[in-house]
Every structure is written in C-alpha cells, then in structure tokens.
Amino acid sequence: MRIPIETFELANGLRVTLSEDHTAPIVGVNLWYHVGSANERKGRTGFAHLFEHMLFQGSADVAANEHFELIQRAGGTLNGSTWLDRTNYFEVVPSNECELVLWLEANRMGQLLPAMTQQKLDTQRDVVKNERRWSVDNQPYGTWWERLPALCFPPSHPFHHSLIGSMEDLSQASLEDIAQFFRAYYTPDNAVLSITGDFDPPQARGWVERYFSAIPRGTDARNRPPMDVGPVFGRALEERVADDVALPRLFLAFRSPVFGSEAYYAASVCGAVLGQRSGSRLYRRLVREREIAAEATAFTFDLPKGSDLLVTDVTARPGVSADELHDAVTAEIDTVHREGVTAHEVSRAAALIETDFVNALQSAGERADRLSMFATYFGNPHLVNEQLDRYQAVTVDEVNAFIKARLGPDNRASLLYVPRETGTATDTDSQGAAA
C-alpha cells in the first residue's frame, strides 16, 4: 500500500504534508511540535504537558475553550498529547470545515501570548495537578510510565524525569516561564503540519499560506540535550514497588535500537513475537499454558534518539506471587535468549504489524499523525510508504541476532509491582538507575 504524499515548506520554516483521499467526507489535521519533556530544564519539569493544556485556553481571536466548542459544533473531534520528544494537536472534521481548523491552529501558534493570563495558568496548573493525582498517584500501577524511564535512563538523561512533572515544579511555574517556553518551541520552524483526507490540495495550500505564512520563525534558544547511552544497561536493574494493587505486575524492559534505524525493525518484530495478541510467545506460555498470568503484552516506546525501549508487561493471575511472576517471565526470556525464535513466529509477527499499520493509514486522523511523525523525526514523511517493505524484509536471523545482543541478563530492567501489605510503609526497593 502506498499513499499519495505532497510536501512543501513555508518561508518561515513550517513543513507541510498533504495526503488526499476522498474515501470519506472527512479531513484530518495534525500539528506536531518538536518538543516534549526531554526539552525541559531542571526545576521546570512538566512544562511540555502543562503547555498542551494552555494551548486550549484561547488566543488573541479565540476565547478560552472556544477551540473545543467550535470544532465540536462543526461535528468534529480534537485533542492533544505530550510525549518525551514531541507534542501534537489534532482534529478530524467534516470536509467543509478544513479551513476552520487551519485558522484555529494558526491563531494559537501566532497569537497565543496576548491572551495568556495568570488566571489561566493557575487554572490549568491545578488541572494538571489533579490529572497527576488521578492518573498517576492514585491509579493502580499508575506510576509505571514515570518509574520505568527513571529506572532505564540515568538521572542526567532527558528521558529520566517524569513527563507530567513534579508538584513542586508545577507550583513554581511562572507566566514568564510559560512565555519563554512558547517563544522557543511553538514556532513554525519547529512544527510540522499534516492534512489528510477529503480536501482539494491547491485550496488547502492556499489556506495554509494565508493563515501561517505571517507567523515569524523562532529566535529563542532551544534546549536540545544529548541523549546518547550505551546499547545495553551493563547490568540487571531492579525496582520493587509496594502499591495499592490487587495483583503483581511486572514491566521488564530492554534497551533497544532507536525508532527508524535499520536494526529497529527486527526489534519491533521481536516485540510482536513476544507479546502482540493471544498467539504471542508470552501470552501462549504464561496465560494459556502455564496459567501464571492474566495478561501479557510487549511494545516499544518508539524513541528516535538515544535508545528505544522494548517492554514486556505481564500481570499475574490471582494467587500467583510477585516472585513467581518474576521468575516465570524471566525464565521465558531466558529461553528465548538461549534458543531464539522460529521463522513462523517472525512471519506471524510481521504480518500482524503490517495489518495494524495498513488499518491505521485508512483513518484520516491516524494517517495525518504518522506523516507528522516521520516528517518531525526524520524530515521525510515519504518514509511512511517504506514501512511495509522494511518489515517484510526482516529475517529470522536478524531477529535472533537482536535477541542474542539485547535480551541477555546485562540488559534487563525489572519494575515489579507487589500488593502492599497492611500496615507496610515501604514504597520502593530500588537497585539504581541505568548508567
């Protein structure tokens, strides 16, 4: 499957990708800014995520929350998300509302600061703090997605600290801090705009030029810290977390080749062999055959710099102890590391990945997101059309070479959640972060 792609760049540096598809009368618009928690400075964590909230609080010509109201009244959907190395904003609307979305996105890119107030900052800071309480601090296993990067990356690494930020740092964020962050990162030369679906390319290009071309390039310095780490941890890393959970749960992570590299595709296929759907190695062995686990999956973080992470996520069945779970998962990984996987497993895994990828490209919103991702990370949205060939070219020997190099005892980080005993005050027992 190959999708049509047209690209151009405005004089201010905004890169634009168009992919026309008249299958359904909808348009997807996706705007990626190349900024995430990795770009935050010490003492100012959580800014990328806080700023995602601030961008929905109005601009010079749009009232607070009016962005939501206009899109929803037009029959569309919208949201934003923040990750370690990017923040994106996206809308899917009926075809005749494409111009509205482009005007809204351009207005907040170019005219956000005049509408920013202390009251808006205070309100959204409280919203983010409540989100942290609800989704992290008071959610079973909710701390895993900040504990695991902290375990896998050394304290000096930009992926080490929490994406959502600490309560203390959020409390100290000032209006000038927010303005500086906006001026540095929310500029056209640090953004990629993708438009997909049922639209007329010359007309869409005219709208983009009309609404975005007058926005100036950024002039403030951007924090781009070094991200290089070794290919393996060098030793086993372990953290045990006593939490208010009913069942033990193990996240076992491995350093893995970065997203988009030649070696990444074998690692991705390995992840699917281990934990994609009910026919995967871990699900078949631990859930169906041995009845040790209730769930077993595996996935990659898809990080394009420094090191990616391949993660297995296994939850115990009732009555299975944390140590039993840990030993069972480790034994399966030891077997895979010692014996490798079969050509049939590799073929199945590649087929599953390819099916999911093709299905995603049928959605205007997902297609726009994939195009923005490849344009942001690699400067080339056309790479989306090479992905199927890359997965189809992966061999069993390449997967087993990855397994031999990266799944050994010197490259395992174990984050194990155990049910808290009544009256126990201990929260964690960690053996240190990665070097």
Protein backbone atom coordinates (compact mmCIF):
# COMPACT_ATOMS: atom_id res chain seq x y z
CA MET A 1 0.00 0.00 0.00
CA ARG A 2 1.31 3.44 -0.97
CA ILE A 3 -0.48 6.65 -0.09
CA PRO A 4 -0.20 9.91 -2.07
CA ILE A 5 2.03 12.50 -0.41
CA GLU A 6 2.73 16.10 -1.35
CA THR A 7 5.03 18.34 0.67
CA PHE A 8 6.04 21.97 0.76
CA GLU A 9 7.65 24.38 3.21
CA LEU A 10 6.77 27.98 4.01
CA ALA A 11 9.42 30.68 4.17
CA ASN A 12 9.08 30.71 7.98
CA GLY A 13 10.12 27.05 8.17
CA LEU A 14 6.72 25.37 8.64
CA ARG A 15 6.83 21.98 6.93
CA VAL A 16 3.53 20.84 5.43
CA THR A 17 2.42 17.39 4.25
CA LEU A 18 -0.75 16.74 2.24
CA SER A 19 -2.30 13.33 1.56
CA GLU A 20 -5.51 13.40 -0.48
CA ASP A 21 -8.09 10.61 -0.03
CA HIS A 22 -11.76 11.01 -0.97
CA THR A 23 -12.93 7.71 0.55
CA ALA A 24 -14.91 9.53 3.27
CA PRO A 25 -16.01 13.19 3.56
CA ILE A 26 -13.67 13.98 6.44
CA VAL A 27 -10.34 15.73 6.91
CA GLY A 28 -7.64 15.05 9.49
CA VAL A 29 -5.34 17.88 10.58
CA ASN A 30 -2.34 17.10 12.75
CA LEU A 31 0.24 19.58 14.05
CA TRP A 32 3.41 18.23 15.67
CA TYR A 33 5.75 20.47 17.64
CA HIS A 34 9.22 19.02 18.16
CA VAL A 35 9.17 19.48 21.93
CA GLY A 36 8.46 17.15 24.81
CA SER A 37 9.52 16.53 28.37
CA ALA A 38 13.07 15.84 27.16
CA ASN A 39 13.45 19.56 26.39
CA GLU A 40 12.58 20.71 29.91
CA ARG A 41 15.20 22.14 32.24
CA LYS A 42 15.89 21.02 35.78
CA GLY A 43 13.41 22.60 38.16
CA ARG A 44 10.91 23.18 35.37
CA THR A 45 9.62 19.69 34.66
CA GLY A 46 6.09 19.22 33.39
CA PHE A 47 6.16 22.30 31.13
CA ALA A 48 5.55 20.41 27.88
CA HIS A 49 2.44 18.76 29.28
CA LEU A 50 1.26 21.92 31.03
CA PHE A 51 1.64 23.78 27.77
CA GLU A 52 -0.52 21.26 25.96
CA HIS A 53 -3.31 22.34 28.31
CA MET A 54 -2.53 26.04 27.89
CA LEU A 55 -2.95 25.87 24.12
CA PHE A 56 -6.66 25.18 24.55
CA GLN A 57 -7.15 28.28 26.72
CA GLY A 58 -7.62 30.73 23.89
CA SER A 59 -5.60 33.09 21.74
CA ALA A 60 -5.98 36.65 20.50
CA ASP A 61 -9.11 35.83 18.47
CA VAL A 62 -10.35 32.70 20.25
CA ALA A 63 -11.81 32.65 23.75
CA ALA A 64 -10.84 30.12 26.40
CA ASN A 65 -12.22 26.67 25.46
CA GLU A 66 -13.71 28.11 22.25
CA HIS A 67 -11.37 25.90 20.19
CA PHE A 68 -13.17 22.86 21.62
CA GLU A 69 -16.58 24.41 21.15
CA LEU A 70 -16.05 25.41 17.51
CA ILE A 71 -14.74 22.00 16.47
CA GLN A 72 -17.41 20.07 18.32
CA ARG A 73 -20.20 22.24 16.95
CA ALA A 74 -18.80 21.58 13.48
CA GLY A 75 -19.22 17.84 14.08
CA GLY A 76 -15.53 17.15 14.66
CA THR A 77 -13.26 15.68 17.30
CA LEU A 78 -9.99 17.03 18.68
CA ASN A 79 -7.35 16.60 21.33
CA GLY A 80 -3.66 16.92 22.08
CA SER A 81 -0.98 14.73 23.59
CA THR A 82 2.52 15.09 25.02
CA TRP A 83 5.37 12.61 24.85
CA LEU A 84 9.04 12.55 25.72
CA ASP A 85 10.12 14.24 22.49
CA ARG A 86 7.02 15.74 20.85
CA THR A 87 3.68 17.41 21.48
CA ASN A 88 0.85 17.16 18.97
CA TYR A 89 -2.59 18.65 18.40
CA PHE A 90 -5.12 17.04 16.11
CA GLU A 91 -8.62 17.43 14.71
CA VAL A 92 -10.87 15.32 12.47
CA VAL A 93 -13.72 17.29 10.92
CA PRO A 94 -16.21 17.16 8.05
CA SER A 95 -14.50 18.17 4.81
CA ASN A 96 -16.13 21.59 4.65
CA GLU A 97 -14.59 22.59 7.99
CA CYS A 98 -10.93 22.19 7.00
CA GLU A 99 -10.38 25.94 6.75
CA LEU A 100 -11.75 26.47 10.27
CA VAL A 101 -9.21 24.05 11.74
CA LEU A 102 -6.29 25.65 9.92
CA TRP A 103 -7.33 29.11 11.09
CA LEU A 104 -7.64 27.90 14.70
CA GLU A 105 -4.23 26.21 14.69
CA ALA A 106 -2.55 29.21 13.08
CA ASN A 107 -4.18 31.64 15.51
CA ARG A 108 -2.87 29.88 18.57
CA MET A 109 0.57 29.37 17.03
CA GLY A 110 0.87 33.04 16.20
CA GLN A 111 -1.38 34.75 18.74
CA LEU A 112 -1.34 32.78 21.99
CA LEU A 113 0.78 35.05 24.16
CA PRO A 114 -1.52 38.12 24.05
CA ALA A 115 -4.31 36.02 25.55
CA MET A 116 -2.24 34.28 28.24
CA THR A 117 -3.12 35.35 31.77
CA GLN A 118 -2.11 34.39 35.30
CA GLN A 119 -5.63 33.13 35.96
CA LYS A 120 -5.44 30.73 33.00
CA LEU A 121 -2.07 29.48 34.16
CA ASP A 122 -3.29 28.95 37.72
CA THR A 123 -6.38 27.12 36.50
CA GLN A 124 -4.53 24.78 34.15
CA ARG A 125 -1.77 24.15 36.67
CA ASP A 126 -4.45 22.88 39.07
CA VAL A 127 -5.97 20.79 36.27
CA VAL A 128 -2.61 19.15 35.59
CA LYS A 129 -2.02 18.52 39.29
CA ASN A 130 -5.42 16.85 39.53
CA GLU A 131 -4.62 14.83 36.43
CA ARG A 132 -1.44 13.66 38.11
CA ARG A 133 -3.35 12.67 41.25
CA TRP A 134 -5.98 10.82 39.23
CA SER A 135 -3.88 9.13 36.55
CA VAL A 136 -0.59 8.59 38.39
CA ASP A 137 -0.54 8.91 42.16
CA ASN A 138 -3.94 7.34 42.90
CA GLN A 139 -4.19 4.93 39.97
CA PRO A 140 -3.21 1.26 40.40
CA TYR A 141 0.15 0.81 38.67
CA GLY A 142 -0.21 4.46 37.59
CA THR A 143 3.40 5.38 38.32
CA TRP A 144 4.86 2.83 35.90
CA TRP A 145 5.31 5.21 32.99
CA GLU A 146 7.47 7.55 35.06
CA ARG A 147 9.23 4.91 37.15
CA LEU A 148 10.28 2.80 34.17
CA PRO A 149 12.10 5.58 32.22
CA ALA A 150 13.65 6.71 35.50
CA LEU A 151 14.98 3.19 36.02
CA CYS A 152 16.17 2.77 32.42
CA PHE A 153 17.87 6.14 31.91
CA PRO A 154 20.48 7.76 34.20
CA PRO A 155 19.49 10.86 36.24
CA SER A 156 21.31 13.18 33.84
CA HIS A 157 19.42 11.88 30.82
CA PRO A 158 16.47 13.94 29.47
CA PHE A 159 14.21 10.85 29.44
CA HIS A 160 14.81 10.17 33.15
CA HIS A 161 12.40 12.66 34.73
CA SER A 162 8.61 12.45 34.82
CA LEU A 163 6.70 13.58 31.74
CA ILE A 164 3.85 15.00 33.79
CA GLY A 165 6.26 16.81 36.13
CA SER A 166 6.53 17.14 39.87
CA MET A 167 4.03 19.01 42.03
CA GLU A 168 6.83 21.32 43.22
CA ASP A 169 7.94 22.26 39.70
CA LEU A 170 4.37 22.83 38.56
CA SER A 171 3.77 25.11 41.55
CA GLN A 172 6.80 27.22 40.68
CA ALA A 173 5.92 27.74 37.01
CA SER A 174 5.51 31.45 36.28
CA LEU A 175 3.77 33.26 33.46
CA GLU A 176 7.16 34.37 32.10
CA ASP A 177 8.40 30.74 32.19
CA ILE A 178 5.44 29.76 30.05
CA ALA A 179 6.00 32.66 27.64
CA GLN A 180 9.67 31.72 27.21
CA PHE A 181 8.75 28.09 26.55
CA PHE A 182 6.22 29.18 23.91
CA ARG A 183 8.65 31.53 22.15
CA ALA A 184 11.33 28.82 21.98
CA TYR A 185 9.30 25.84 20.82
CA TYR A 186 5.88 26.85 19.49
CA THR A 187 7.16 28.38 16.29
CA PRO A 188 6.60 27.38 12.65
CA ASP A 189 10.22 26.30 12.14
CA ASN A 190 9.79 23.78 14.98
CA ALA A 191 6.50 22.36 13.68
CA VAL A 192 5.05 20.00 11.08
CA LEU A 193 1.50 20.32 9.75
CA SER A 194 -0.20 17.36 8.06
CA ILE A 195 -3.57 17.40 6.28
CA THR A 196 -5.18 14.17 5.11
CA GLY A 197 -8.49 13.03 3.66
CA ASP A 198 -11.16 14.66 1.54
CA PHE A 199 -9.78 18.07 0.55
CA ASP A 200 -8.54 19.94 -2.51
CA PRO A 201 -4.72 20.25 -2.29
CA PRO A 202 -4.38 23.64 -4.07
CA GLN A 203 -7.13 25.09 -1.90
CA ALA A 204 -5.60 23.66 1.30
CA ARG A 205 -2.20 25.02 0.33
CA GLY A 206 -3.74 28.46 -0.15
CA TRP A 207 -5.29 28.33 3.33
CA VAL A 208 -2.00 27.26 4.90
CA GLU A 209 -0.14 30.09 3.22
CA ARG A 210 -2.83 32.62 4.16
CA TYR A 211 -3.02 31.73 7.85
CA PHE A 212 0.51 30.54 8.70
CA SER A 213 2.94 32.41 6.46
CA ALA A 214 2.96 35.65 8.52
CA ILE A 215 3.99 33.87 11.74
CA PRO A 216 7.69 34.57 12.35
CA ARG A 217 10.39 32.00 12.93
CA GLY A 218 11.57 31.42 16.47
CA THR A 219 14.54 33.34 17.81
CA ASP A 220 14.90 31.99 21.36
CA ALA A 221 17.40 29.22 22.11
CA ARG A 222 16.04 25.68 22.40
CA ASN A 223 17.23 23.09 24.87
CA ARG A 224 18.40 20.05 22.87
CA PRO A 225 20.30 17.97 25.46
CA PRO A 226 22.47 14.99 24.44
CA MET A 227 20.66 11.65 24.56
CA ASP A 228 23.36 9.07 23.80
CA VAL A 229 23.53 6.00 26.03
CA GLY A 230 25.14 2.59 25.66
CA PRO A 231 23.36 -0.20 23.76
CA VAL A 232 22.76 -2.16 26.99
CA PHE A 233 22.38 -1.33 30.68
CA GLY A 234 25.53 -3.25 31.53
CA ARG A 235 23.87 -4.99 34.47
CA ALA A 236 20.44 -6.05 35.69
CA LEU A 237 18.36 -3.22 37.13
CA GLU A 238 15.53 -3.87 39.57
CA GLU A 239 12.89 -1.87 41.38
CA ARG A 240 10.14 -3.35 43.52
CA VAL A 241 7.14 -1.13 44.27
CA ALA A 242 4.69 -1.87 47.07
CA ASP A 243 1.42 -0.34 45.87
CA ASP A 244 -2.32 -0.49 46.47
CA VAL A 245 -2.87 -3.12 43.79
CA ALA A 246 -4.65 -6.46 43.79
CA LEU A 247 -2.20 -8.40 41.62
CA PRO A 248 1.55 -8.37 41.00
CA ARG A 249 2.58 -6.83 37.68
CA LEU A 250 5.99 -6.89 36.02
CA PHE A 251 7.39 -4.47 33.47
CA LEU A 252 10.61 -5.93 32.08
CA ALA A 253 12.42 -3.51 29.77
CA PHE A 254 15.41 -3.81 27.43
CA ARG A 255 17.41 -1.09 25.69
CA SER A 256 16.67 -1.38 22.00
CA PRO A 257 17.74 0.24 18.68
CA VAL A 258 16.20 3.66 18.12
CA PHE A 259 12.99 4.02 16.14
CA GLY A 260 13.57 4.27 12.39
CA SER A 261 17.06 2.74 12.40
CA GLU A 262 17.80 -0.37 10.33
CA ALA A 263 18.03 -2.50 13.47
CA TYR A 264 14.74 -1.15 14.85
CA TYR A 265 12.58 -3.33 12.62
CA ALA A 266 13.99 -6.60 13.92
CA ALA A 267 13.45 -5.33 17.47
CA SER A 268 9.87 -4.35 16.66
CA VAL A 269 9.17 -7.78 15.20
CA CYS A 270 10.73 -9.36 18.29
CA GLY A 271 8.34 -7.36 20.45
CA ALA A 272 5.39 -8.65 18.45
CA VAL A 273 6.70 -12.23 18.73
CA LEU A 274 6.89 -11.83 22.49
CA GLY A 275 3.65 -10.03 23.21
CA GLN A 276 1.34 -9.00 20.38
CA ARG A 277 -2.07 -10.61 20.82
CA SER A 278 -3.05 -14.02 22.13
CA GLY A 279 -0.81 -16.02 19.77
CA SER A 280 2.36 -14.38 21.05
CA ARG A 281 5.06 -16.28 22.92
CA LEU A 282 4.44 -14.78 26.38
CA TYR A 283 0.65 -14.94 26.15
CA ARG A 284 0.66 -18.52 24.92
CA ARG A 285 3.13 -19.74 27.52
CA LEU A 286 2.19 -17.70 30.60
CA VAL A 287 -1.54 -17.09 30.16
CA ARG A 288 -2.85 -20.11 28.29
CA GLU A 289 -0.45 -22.96 29.07
CA ARG A 290 1.05 -22.29 32.49
CA GLU A 291 -1.78 -20.07 33.79
CA ILE A 292 0.71 -17.86 35.60
CA ALA A 293 -0.51 -14.59 34.10
CA ALA A 294 -3.82 -12.88 33.39
CA GLU A 295 -2.37 -10.59 30.71
CA ALA A 296 0.89 -10.48 28.77
CA THR A 297 1.89 -7.91 26.15
CA ALA A 298 5.02 -6.30 24.71
CA PHE A 299 5.63 -2.98 22.98
CA THR A 300 8.32 -0.47 22.04
CA PHE A 301 8.41 3.18 23.12
CA ASP A 302 9.45 4.15 19.55
CA LEU A 303 12.05 6.69 20.68
CA PRO A 304 14.13 8.07 17.76
CA LYS A 305 17.15 9.27 19.76
CA GLY A 306 19.48 7.83 22.37
CA SER A 307 17.89 4.45 22.89
CA ASP A 308 14.48 2.93 22.41
CA LEU A 309 12.91 0.61 24.99
CA LEU A 310 11.34 -2.77 24.33
CA VAL A 311 8.99 -3.53 27.23
CA THR A 312 7.16 -6.68 28.28
CA ASP A 313 4.15 -6.10 30.54
CA VAL A 314 2.79 -9.11 32.43
CA THR A 315 0.09 -9.17 35.15
CA ALA A 316 -0.21 -12.17 37.48
CA ARG A 317 -3.27 -14.34 37.95
CA PRO A 318 -4.88 -14.28 41.41
CA GLY A 319 -2.92 -16.45 43.80
CA VAL A 320 0.40 -16.05 41.95
CA SER A 321 3.06 -14.25 43.99
CA ALA A 322 5.26 -11.46 42.71
CA ASP A 323 8.35 -13.67 42.89
CA GLU A 324 6.60 -16.46 40.98
CA LEU A 325 5.59 -14.00 38.28
CA HIS A 326 9.08 -12.52 38.03
CA ASP A 327 10.72 -15.95 37.83
CA ALA A 328 8.26 -17.18 35.20
CA VAL A 329 8.72 -14.18 32.92
CA THR A 330 12.48 -14.24 33.34
CA ALA A 331 12.54 -17.96 32.52
CA GLU A 332 10.66 -17.35 29.28
CA ILE A 333 13.03 -14.55 28.29
CA ASP A 334 15.99 -16.80 29.16
CA THR A 335 14.57 -19.47 26.84
CA VAL A 336 14.11 -17.00 24.01
CA HIS A 337 17.62 -15.64 24.56
CA ARG A 338 19.09 -19.13 24.55
CA GLU A 339 17.08 -20.74 21.74
CA GLY A 340 15.85 -17.82 19.64
CA VAL A 341 12.51 -17.71 17.82
CA THR A 342 11.24 -19.51 14.73
CA ALA A 343 10.68 -18.32 11.19
CA HIS A 344 6.96 -18.96 11.64
CA GLU A 345 6.83 -16.67 14.68
CA VAL A 346 8.66 -13.93 12.80
CA SER A 347 6.32 -14.25 9.81
CA ARG A 348 3.24 -14.08 12.02
CA ALA A 349 4.54 -11.08 13.94
CA ALA A 350 5.45 -9.13 10.79
CA ALA A 351 2.01 -9.84 9.33
CA LEU A 352 0.30 -8.50 12.47
CA ILE A 353 2.38 -5.33 12.42
CA GLU A 354 1.69 -4.81 8.72
CA THR A 355 -2.06 -5.31 9.21
CA ASP A 356 -2.20 -2.80 12.04
CA PHE A 357 -0.14 -0.32 10.01
CA VAL A 358 -2.38 -0.56 6.94
CA ASN A 359 -5.51 -0.25 9.07
CA ALA A 360 -4.13 2.88 10.72
CA LEU A 361 -3.50 4.53 7.37
CA GLN A 362 -7.17 4.09 6.46
CA SER A 363 -8.05 6.61 9.19
CA ALA A 364 -7.60 10.28 8.27
CA GLY A 365 -6.52 11.12 11.81
CA GLU A 366 -4.02 8.25 12.12
CA ARG A 367 -2.60 8.90 8.66
CA ALA A 368 -2.01 12.55 9.50
CA ASP A 369 -0.29 11.54 12.73
CA ARG A 370 2.06 9.07 11.00
CA LEU A 371 3.00 11.63 8.36
CA SER A 372 3.75 14.26 11.01
CA MET A 373 5.82 11.74 12.95
CA PHE A 374 8.12 10.81 10.06
CA ALA A 375 8.41 14.45 8.97
CA THR A 376 9.29 15.58 12.51
CA TYR A 377 11.73 12.84 13.41
CA PHE A 378 13.40 12.28 10.05
CA GLY A 379 12.41 15.23 7.86
CA ASN A 380 10.80 12.84 5.39
CA PRO A 381 7.08 11.95 5.50
CA HIS A 382 7.57 9.71 2.43
CA LEU A 383 9.14 7.15 4.79
CA VAL A 384 5.59 6.11 5.69
CA ASN A 385 5.45 4.36 2.30
CA GLU A 386 8.61 2.36 3.04
CA GLN A 387 7.48 0.80 6.32
CA LEU A 388 5.78 -2.29 4.92
CA ASP A 389 8.82 -3.14 2.80
CA ARG A 390 11.08 -2.77 5.80
CA TYR A 391 9.01 -5.13 7.93
CA GLN A 392 8.66 -7.65 5.11
CA ALA A 393 12.45 -7.69 4.74
CA VAL A 394 13.08 -8.68 8.37
CA THR A 395 14.54 -12.19 8.62
CA VAL A 396 14.53 -14.70 11.45
CA ASP A 397 18.33 -14.41 11.60
CA GLU A 398 18.07 -10.65 12.17
CA VAL A 399 15.53 -11.11 14.95
CA ASN A 400 17.63 -13.77 16.64
CA ALA A 401 20.73 -11.57 16.36
CA PHE A 402 18.82 -8.81 18.14
CA ILE A 403 17.67 -11.28 20.80
CA LYS A 404 21.19 -12.53 21.40
CA ALA A 405 22.56 -8.98 21.70
CA ARG A 406 19.78 -7.28 23.66
CA LEU A 407 17.73 -9.76 25.73
CA GLY A 408 20.55 -11.03 27.92
CA PRO A 409 20.85 -10.58 31.71
CA ASP A 410 23.05 -7.48 31.22
CA ASN A 411 20.21 -5.58 29.54
CA ARG A 412 17.15 -6.09 31.72
CA ALA A 413 15.35 -3.52 33.85
CA SER A 414 12.71 -5.02 36.11
CA LEU A 415 9.92 -2.87 37.57
CA LEU A 416 7.82 -5.15 39.75
CA TYR A 417 4.60 -4.03 41.46
CA VAL A 418 3.54 -6.02 44.51
CA PRO A 419 0.38 -5.68 46.62
CA ARG A 420 1.06 -3.56 49.66
CA GLU A 421 0.81 -5.43 52.96
CA THR A 422 -1.49 -3.90 55.58
CA GLY A 423 0.48 -1.52 57.74
CA THR A 424 3.52 -1.59 55.45
CA ALA A 425 5.14 1.81 54.97
CA THR A 426 7.76 0.74 52.42
CA ASP A 427 7.10 2.19 48.97
CA THR A 428 10.00 1.07 46.79
CA ASP A 429 13.12 -1.03 46.89
CA SER A 430 15.33 0.06 44.01
CA GLN A 431 18.75 -1.12 42.89
CA GLY A 432 19.55 2.04 40.99
CA ALA A 433 19.01 3.67 37.62
CA ALA A 434 20.86 2.84 34.46
CA ALA A 435 24.25 4.28 33.66
